[in-house]
Protein backbone atom coordinates (compact mmCIF):
# COMPACT_ATOMS: atom_id res chain seq x y z
CA MET A 1 107.88 114.33 93.94
CA TRP A 2 104.45 114.10 95.56
CA ILE A 3 103.20 116.53 98.19
CA GLY A 4 100.15 115.86 100.38
CA TRP A 5 98.61 117.95 103.11
CA LEU A 6 95.61 117.89 105.37
CA GLU A 7 94.09 120.85 107.20
CA PHE A 8 92.00 119.83 110.21
CA ASP A 9 89.30 121.96 111.71
CA ILE A 10 88.90 120.83 115.31
CA LEU A 11 86.43 121.58 118.04
CA LEU A 12 87.87 121.13 121.48
CA GLY A 13 85.86 119.56 124.22
CA ASP A 14 85.71 120.88 127.81
CA VAL A 15 88.24 123.69 127.29
CA HIS A 16 87.75 127.19 128.88
CA SER A 17 91.06 128.96 128.31
CA LEU A 18 93.95 129.25 125.83
CA LYS A 19 96.17 127.41 128.35
CA GLN A 20 93.71 124.42 128.36
CA LYS A 21 93.65 124.58 124.65
CA ARG A 22 97.44 124.21 124.52
CA SER A 23 97.27 121.19 126.84
CA VAL A 24 95.00 119.45 124.20
CA VAL A 25 96.70 120.66 120.96
CA ARG A 26 100.35 120.03 121.99
CA PRO A 27 99.92 116.32 122.65
CA LEU A 28 97.97 116.04 119.37
CA VAL A 29 100.77 117.71 117.48
CA ALA A 30 103.39 115.55 119.16
CA ASP A 31 101.39 112.32 118.25
CA LEU A 32 101.10 113.46 114.61
CA ARG A 33 104.85 114.01 114.36
CA ARG A 34 105.37 110.34 115.11
CA LEU A 35 104.03 109.78 111.64
CA GLU A 36 107.14 111.59 110.33
CA VAL A 37 105.13 114.48 108.86
CA SER A 38 105.41 118.28 109.26
CA VAL A 39 102.65 119.57 111.57
CA ALA A 40 101.66 122.79 113.10
CA GLU A 41 98.68 124.71 114.51
CA VAL A 42 97.90 126.92 111.62
CA GLY A 43 94.84 128.94 112.62
CA GLU A 44 92.12 129.92 115.19
CA HIS A 45 94.86 130.87 117.68
CA GLU A 46 92.75 133.35 119.53
CA LEU A 47 89.70 131.00 119.98
CA HIS A 48 90.07 128.59 123.00
CA ARG A 49 87.53 125.91 121.72
CA ARG A 50 88.67 125.76 118.08
CA ALA A 51 91.98 124.91 116.42
CA ARG A 52 93.21 124.35 112.86
CA VAL A 53 96.13 121.97 112.52
CA GLY A 54 98.03 121.38 109.21
CA VAL A 55 99.93 118.28 108.29
CA ALA A 56 102.28 117.87 105.24
CA VAL A 57 104.17 114.97 103.80
CA THR A 58 106.39 114.46 100.75
CA SER A 59 107.32 111.31 98.95
CA GLY A 60 108.29 109.87 95.60
CA ASP A 61 105.44 107.48 95.82
CA PRO A 62 101.77 108.96 95.75
CA ALA A 63 100.49 105.75 97.45
CA HIS A 64 102.87 106.42 100.44
CA VAL A 65 101.51 110.04 100.71
CA THR A 66 97.93 108.75 100.85
CA ARG A 67 98.68 106.13 103.51
CA VAL A 68 100.39 108.60 105.79
CA LEU A 69 97.49 111.19 105.37
CA ASP A 70 95.02 108.42 105.98
CA ALA A 71 96.78 107.59 109.22
CA ALA A 72 96.94 111.23 110.30
CA GLU A 73 93.19 111.61 109.76
CA ARG A 74 92.45 108.42 111.62
CA LEU A 75 94.65 109.62 114.57
CA VAL A 76 92.86 112.88 114.87
CA ALA A 77 89.41 111.43 114.34
CA GLU A 78 89.80 108.79 117.05
CA ARG A 79 90.87 111.30 119.78
CA PRO A 80 87.93 111.38 122.38
CA GLU A 81 88.71 114.85 123.60
CA ILE A 82 88.12 116.58 120.30
CA GLU A 83 85.64 116.65 117.53
CA LEU A 84 86.91 116.70 114.04
CA LEU A 85 84.73 119.12 112.12
CA SER A 86 86.37 118.77 108.80
CA ALA A 87 89.61 117.59 107.12
CA ARG A 88 90.61 119.21 103.75
CA ARG A 89 93.03 117.14 101.84
CA ARG A 90 95.21 117.87 98.82
CA ILE A 91 97.78 115.76 96.90
CA ALA A 92 99.82 117.17 94.20
CA ASN A 93 102.67 116.22 92.00
CA GLY A 94 105.72 118.55 92.38
CA GLY A 95 105.61 119.11 88.56
CA ASP A 96 101.91 120.39 88.57
């Protein structure tokens, strides 16, 4: 079994409240779920212009894990309302 995950550090655009932050992060999380991954906001909950979002996927094929994580990173990077500050990636074999 192969496990892959990404952690995105995101700077939100013209956001001035936590309510506005939710209106940007929720659609992003919903779009990422279409890739059939587990996804959640995992940090920076108290800051209205920053978010950390985690994505995880498992597969028997490491190439599939890489393709899905690549697609997730492209999806986040291409959104005009946010700036992707960093994306930390890890892929591991379940036997590691």
